[in-house]
């Protein structure tokens, strides 16, 4: 029996199995990556909207706050003077 042929066939079979397993894991990785990117895009959109709302709110405070008064949506509340000791 020619051991070289047997060894070559055995290496080919093992190599084929390893290649198949690697290709399956690459497909799973690609699918997982797509799901993660979709989630990041969804969160990113929400963060952009939140950033805009927060920026508008801060601008509103800057425009309305004068002379130690803190504006509330419909009324102005005077801040208390801090005690000095």
C-alpha atoms as a PDB file:
ATOM      1  CA  UNK A   1       0.000   0.000   0.000  1.00  0.00           C
ATOM      2  CA  UNK A   2       1.277   3.443  -0.885  1.00  0.00           C
ATOM      3  CA  UNK A   3       1.189   5.506   2.333  1.00  0.00           C
ATOM      4  CA  UNK A   4       1.764   8.723   0.429  1.00  0.00           C
ATOM      5  CA  UNK A   5      -1.634   8.447  -1.294  1.00  0.00           C
ATOM      6  CA  UNK A   6      -3.380   7.649   2.001  1.00  0.00           C
ATOM      7  CA  UNK A   7      -1.678  10.572   3.746  1.00  0.00           C
ATOM      8  CA  UNK A   8      -2.582  12.953   0.904  1.00  0.00           C
ATOM      9  CA  UNK A   9      -6.229  11.826   1.000  1.00  0.00           C
ATOM     10  CA  UNK A  10      -6.332  12.203   4.774  1.00  0.00           C
ATOM     11  CA  UNK A  11      -4.835  15.725   4.655  1.00  0.00           C
ATOM     12  CA  UNK A  12      -7.287  16.708   1.919  1.00  0.00           C
ATOM     13  CA  UNK A  13     -10.243  15.487   3.973  1.00  0.00           C
ATOM     14  CA  UNK A  14      -9.076  17.275   7.145  1.00  0.00           C
ATOM     15  CA  UNK A  15      -8.363  20.443   5.160  1.00  0.00           C
ATOM     16  CA  UNK A  16     -11.828  20.300   3.594  1.00  0.00           C
ATOM     17  CA  UNK A  17     -13.493  19.957   7.000  1.00  0.00           C
ATOM     18  CA  UNK A  18     -11.507  22.871   8.456  1.00  0.00           C
ATOM     19  CA  UNK A  19     -12.293  25.045   5.422  1.00  0.00           C
ATOM     20  CA  UNK A  20     -16.014  24.251   5.713  1.00  0.00           C
ATOM     21  CA  UNK A  21     -16.046  25.152   9.422  1.00  0.00           C
ATOM     22  CA  UNK A  22     -14.227  28.435   8.759  1.00  0.00           C
ATOM     23  CA  UNK A  23     -16.650  29.397   5.996  1.00  0.00           C
ATOM     24  CA  UNK A  24     -19.636  28.692   8.279  1.00  0.00           C
ATOM     25  CA  UNK A  25     -18.185  30.873  11.028  1.00  0.00           C
ATOM     26  CA  UNK A  26     -17.529  33.705   8.527  1.00  0.00           C
ATOM     27  CA  UNK A  27     -21.187  33.642   7.457  1.00  0.00           C
ATOM     28  CA  UNK A  28     -22.346  33.777  11.080  1.00  0.00           C
ATOM     29  CA  UNK A  29     -19.922  36.631  11.742  1.00  0.00           C
ATOM     30  CA  UNK A  30     -21.230  38.568   8.723  1.00  0.00           C
ATOM     31  CA  UNK A  31     -24.832  38.107   9.891  1.00  0.00           C
ATOM     32  CA  UNK A  32     -23.960  39.195  13.440  1.00  0.00           C
ATOM     33  CA  UNK A  33     -22.067  42.209  12.128  1.00  0.00           C
ATOM     34  CA  UNK A  34     -25.087  43.280  10.061  1.00  0.00           C
ATOM     35  CA  UNK A  35     -27.356  43.077  13.126  1.00  0.00           C
ATOM     36  CA  UNK A  36     -24.937  45.125  15.225  1.00  0.00           C
ATOM     37  CA  UNK A  37     -24.609  47.806  12.538  1.00  0.00           C
ATOM     38  CA  UNK A  38     -28.400  48.053  12.243  1.00  0.00           C
ATOM     39  CA  UNK A  39     -28.686  48.548  16.006  1.00  0.00           C
ATOM     40  CA  UNK A  40     -25.919  51.174  16.023  1.00  0.00           C
ATOM     41  CA  UNK A  41     -27.664  53.089  13.216  1.00  0.00           C
ATOM     42  CA  UNK A  42     -30.961  53.011  15.130  1.00  0.00           C
ATOM     43  CA  UNK A  43     -29.323  54.236  18.353  1.00  0.00           C
ATOM     44  CA  UNK A  44     -27.358  56.872  16.445  1.00  0.00           C
ATOM     45  CA  UNK A  45     -30.564  58.362  15.048  1.00  0.00           C
ATOM     46  CA  UNK A  46     -32.086  58.567  18.512  1.00  0.00           C
ATOM     47  CA  UNK A  47     -28.943  60.215  19.891  1.00  0.00           C
ATOM     48  CA  UNK A  48     -28.976  62.817  17.110  1.00  0.00           C
ATOM     49  CA  UNK A  49     -32.580  63.739  17.942  1.00  0.00           C
ATOM     50  CA  UNK A  50     -31.781  63.863  21.664  1.00  0.00           C
ATOM     51  CA  UNK A  51     -28.752  66.085  20.992  1.00  0.00           C
ATOM     52  CA  UNK A  52     -30.915  68.500  18.990  1.00  0.00           C
ATOM     53  CA  UNK A  53     -33.600  68.656  21.684  1.00  0.00           C
ATOM     54  CA  UNK A  54     -31.044  69.166  24.454  1.00  0.00           C
ATOM     55  CA  UNK A  55     -29.257  71.895  22.492  1.00  0.00           C
ATOM     56  CA  UNK A  56     -32.546  73.729  21.899  1.00  0.00           C
ATOM     57  CA  UNK A  57     -33.418  73.448  25.588  1.00  0.00           C
ATOM     58  CA  UNK A  58     -30.054  74.827  26.691  1.00  0.00           C
ATOM     59  CA  UNK A  59     -30.381  77.691  24.194  1.00  0.00           C
ATOM     60  CA  UNK A  60     -33.828  78.440  25.621  1.00  0.00           C
ATOM     61  CA  UNK A  61     -32.312  78.720  29.118  1.00  0.00           C
ATOM     62  CA  UNK A  62     -29.540  81.040  27.915  1.00  0.00           C
ATOM     63  CA  UNK A  63     -31.967  83.337  26.131  1.00  0.00           C
ATOM     64  CA  UNK A  64     -34.462  83.499  28.987  1.00  0.00           C
ATOM     65  CA  UNK A  65     -32.155  83.577  32.041  1.00  0.00           C
ATOM     66  CA  UNK A  66     -31.181  87.102  33.130  1.00  0.00           C
ATOM     67  CA  UNK A  67     -30.146  88.651  36.441  1.00  0.00           C
ATOM     68  CA  UNK A  68     -30.126  85.448  38.478  1.00  0.00           C
ATOM     69  CA  UNK A  69     -33.599  84.374  37.406  1.00  0.00           C
ATOM     70  CA  UNK A  70     -34.117  80.817  36.307  1.00  0.00           C
ATOM     71  CA  UNK A  71     -36.877  80.588  33.719  1.00  0.00           C
ATOM     72  CA  UNK A  72     -39.411  77.834  33.855  1.00  0.00           C
ATOM     73  CA  UNK A  73     -41.588  77.146  30.864  1.00  0.00           C
ATOM     74  CA  UNK A  74     -44.429  79.446  31.921  1.00  0.00           C
ATOM     75  CA  UNK A  75     -43.112  81.300  34.936  1.00  0.00           C
ATOM     76  CA  UNK A  76     -39.909  82.762  36.331  1.00  0.00           C
ATOM     77  CA  UNK A  77     -38.627  81.553  39.700  1.00  0.00           C
ATOM     78  CA  UNK A  78     -36.164  83.756  41.561  1.00  0.00           C
ATOM     79  CA  UNK A  79     -33.118  81.984  42.937  1.00  0.00           C
ATOM     80  CA  UNK A  80     -32.403  82.395  46.623  1.00  0.00           C
ATOM     81  CA  UNK A  81     -29.292  84.307  47.620  1.00  0.00           C
ATOM     82  CA  UNK A  82     -26.743  81.962  49.150  1.00  0.00           C
ATOM     83  CA  UNK A  83     -25.860  82.502  52.805  1.00  0.00           C
ATOM     84  CA  UNK A  84     -22.432  83.872  53.518  1.00  0.00           C
ATOM     85  CA  UNK A  85     -20.764  82.771  56.704  1.00  0.00           C
END
